[in-house]
Protein backbone atom coordinates (compact mmCIF):
# COMPACT_ATOMS: atom_id res chain seq x y z
CA MET A 1 5.69 -12.93 -8.87
CA LYS A 2 3.35 -11.83 -11.66
CA LEU A 3 1.31 -8.68 -11.08
CA LEU A 4 -1.86 -7.81 -12.95
CA HIS A 5 -2.50 -4.10 -13.51
CA THR A 6 -5.38 -1.90 -14.67
CA SER A 7 -4.28 1.63 -15.52
CA PHE A 8 -6.07 4.94 -15.00
CA ARG A 9 -3.07 6.83 -16.38
CA VAL A 10 -2.94 7.46 -20.10
CA THR A 11 0.04 5.71 -21.61
CA PRO A 12 1.70 6.91 -24.80
CA PRO A 13 0.84 4.95 -27.96
CA THR A 14 4.49 3.92 -28.22
CA ALA A 15 4.38 2.10 -24.87
CA ARG A 16 4.47 -1.68 -25.05
CA ALA A 17 1.75 -3.75 -23.44
CA THR A 18 3.06 -5.55 -20.36
CA GLY A 19 0.21 -7.96 -19.73
CA HIS A 20 -0.26 -6.41 -16.28
CA ARG A 21 -3.29 -4.65 -14.87
CA THR A 22 -2.84 -1.69 -12.52
CA ARG A 23 -5.02 1.10 -11.30
CA GLU A 24 -2.93 4.20 -10.91
CA MET A 25 -3.93 7.54 -9.57
CA LEU A 26 -1.66 10.55 -9.47
CA THR A 27 -3.05 13.25 -7.23
CA SER A 28 -2.29 16.92 -7.17
CA ASP A 29 -1.45 16.56 -3.49
CA ARG A 30 2.27 17.31 -3.82
CA GLY A 31 2.85 14.47 -6.24
CA LEU A 32 1.35 11.65 -4.17
CA GLY A 33 1.29 8.62 -6.43
CA ILE A 34 -0.96 5.63 -5.85
CA ALA A 35 -1.06 2.38 -7.83
CA VAL A 36 -3.15 -0.67 -6.97
CA GLU A 37 -2.05 -4.03 -8.39
CA PHE A 38 -3.18 -7.61 -8.01
CA ALA A 39 -0.60 -10.38 -7.67
CA PRO A 40 -2.49 -13.58 -8.57
CA ASP A 41 0.43 -15.87 -7.69
CA ALA A 42 0.28 -14.64 -4.09
CA ASP A 43 -3.47 -13.94 -4.04
CA ALA A 44 -2.64 -10.44 -2.85
CA THR A 45 -3.49 -6.86 -3.66
CA VAL A 46 -0.56 -4.43 -3.65
CA GLY A 47 -1.01 -0.73 -3.02
CA ARG A 48 2.07 1.18 -4.13
CA ILE A 49 2.30 4.65 -2.59
CA SER A 50 4.91 7.28 -3.46
CA GLY A 51 5.62 10.89 -2.55
CA ASP A 52 4.88 12.80 0.65
CA ILE A 53 1.99 11.92 2.94
CA ASP A 54 1.30 15.16 4.74
CA VAL A 55 -1.91 16.89 5.78
CA LEU A 56 -2.66 17.87 2.15
CA ALA A 57 -2.19 14.35 0.78
CA ALA A 58 -3.87 12.59 3.71
CA PRO A 59 -7.39 12.45 2.20
CA SER A 60 -6.09 10.80 -0.99
CA PHE A 61 -3.99 8.38 1.07
CA ALA A 62 -7.00 7.46 3.22
CA LEU A 63 -9.09 6.87 0.10
CA ALA A 64 -6.40 4.65 -1.42
CA LEU A 65 -6.19 2.49 1.70
CA ALA A 66 -9.98 2.28 1.95
CA HIS A 67 -10.06 1.14 -1.67
CA LEU A 68 -7.54 -1.59 -0.87
CA ALA A 69 -9.58 -2.85 2.07
CA ASP A 70 -12.95 -2.58 0.35
CA GLY A 71 -11.80 -3.86 -3.03
CA GLY A 72 -12.82 -7.38 -2.09
CA SER A 73 -10.45 -8.94 -4.63
CA SER A 74 -8.19 -10.37 -1.95
CA SER A 75 -8.01 -10.85 1.80
CA ARG A 76 -4.24 -10.28 1.57
CA ILE A 77 -2.84 -6.78 1.14
CA ILE A 78 0.65 -5.37 0.77
CA VAL A 79 1.02 -1.62 1.30
CA ASP A 80 4.25 -0.69 -0.51
CA MET A 81 5.50 2.61 0.89
CA THR A 82 9.14 2.14 -0.09
CA ALA A 83 8.92 5.19 -2.38
CA VAL A 84 7.41 7.51 0.26
CA ASP A 85 9.66 10.39 1.27
CA PHE A 86 7.71 11.72 4.27
CA VAL A 87 4.88 10.56 6.55
CA GLY A 88 3.30 13.17 8.79
CA THR A 89 1.04 12.64 11.76
CA SER A 90 -1.99 12.61 9.47
CA GLY A 91 -0.55 9.68 7.55
CA LEU A 92 0.32 7.82 10.74
CA SER A 93 -3.23 8.29 12.01
CA ILE A 94 -4.62 6.93 8.74
CA LEU A 95 -2.31 3.89 8.95
CA SER A 96 -3.54 3.24 12.49
CA GLU A 97 -7.17 3.42 11.33
CA PHE A 98 -6.37 1.11 8.41
CA ALA A 99 -4.80 -1.42 10.78
CA GLU A 100 -7.96 -1.44 12.91
CA SER A 101 -10.18 -1.75 9.83
CA ALA A 102 -8.09 -4.61 8.42
CA LYS A 103 -8.32 -6.43 11.75
CA ARG A 104 -12.13 -6.07 11.82
CA GLN A 105 -12.37 -7.32 8.22
CA HIS A 106 -9.97 -10.25 8.82
CA ILE A 107 -7.54 -8.92 6.20
CA THR A 108 -3.97 -10.20 6.37
CA TRP A 109 -1.62 -7.39 5.48
CA ALA A 110 1.86 -5.96 5.82
CA LEU A 111 3.50 -2.63 5.11
CA ALA A 112 6.84 -2.37 3.29
CA GLY A 113 8.62 0.89 3.97
CA ASN A 114 11.90 2.70 3.95
CA ARG A 115 13.46 4.54 6.89
CA ALA A 116 11.30 7.65 6.32
CA VAL A 117 8.20 5.48 6.85
CA LEU A 118 9.32 2.91 9.40
CA ARG A 119 11.12 5.27 11.79
CA PRO A 120 8.04 7.34 12.78
CA ILE A 121 5.90 4.18 12.98
CA GLU A 122 8.39 2.62 15.39
CA ALA A 123 8.98 5.87 17.31
CA ILE A 124 5.35 6.16 18.38
CA GLY A 125 4.81 2.42 18.91
CA LEU A 126 2.54 1.77 15.93
CA ASP A 127 4.72 -1.18 14.95
CA ALA A 128 2.84 -3.13 17.63
CA MET A 129 -0.30 -2.97 15.47
CA ILE A 130 1.15 -2.47 11.99
CA PRO A 131 3.09 -5.40 10.51
CA THR A 132 6.14 -3.69 8.99
CA CYS A 133 8.90 -4.91 6.68
CA ARG A 134 11.80 -3.28 4.88
CA THR A 135 11.08 -4.80 1.46
CA VAL A 136 8.05 -5.78 -0.57
CA ARG A 137 9.39 -9.33 -0.84
CA ASP A 138 9.58 -9.55 2.96
CA ALA A 139 6.02 -8.19 3.17
CA PHE A 140 4.78 -10.90 0.78
CA ASP A 141 6.58 -13.53 2.87
CA ARG A 142 5.12 -12.16 6.10
CA VAL A 143 1.57 -12.10 4.72
CA GLU A 144 2.00 -15.65 3.45
CA LYS A 145 3.30 -16.80 6.84
CA ILE A 146 0.44 -15.10 8.74
CA ALA A 147 -2.16 -16.53 6.35
CA HIS A 148 -0.90 -20.07 6.92
CA SER A 149 -0.48 -19.86 10.69
């Protein structure tokens, strides 16, 4: 699947052009990394989140998710949290709000996460409202299936 990127991060002059567009934002909130990509083959926007989502990083995380939903480039969104090491209650609350917002806006979406992300979501029952997957590929497949059902 081809991803288009637009980058906010300065790349060294020795870096090769990849033909991708990504918007990346590294915050000072304990190394929270956020990249937004568009996958034209799947007509989907991918938000790649990395680091810890605690009370300090929560505002940046909320802004990133709002940008995904309000970007208007696609009605399909993948939230890739496979590189997140910790999700606190603030992050879970933001995910819940995002799920409600996506539902109101008729956005088809799925979250890909590792154990550190999926376990707290499942433990408090948010998996009933948040479509979760273990891999980004599975998330793409799930979004595709939902969109065509």
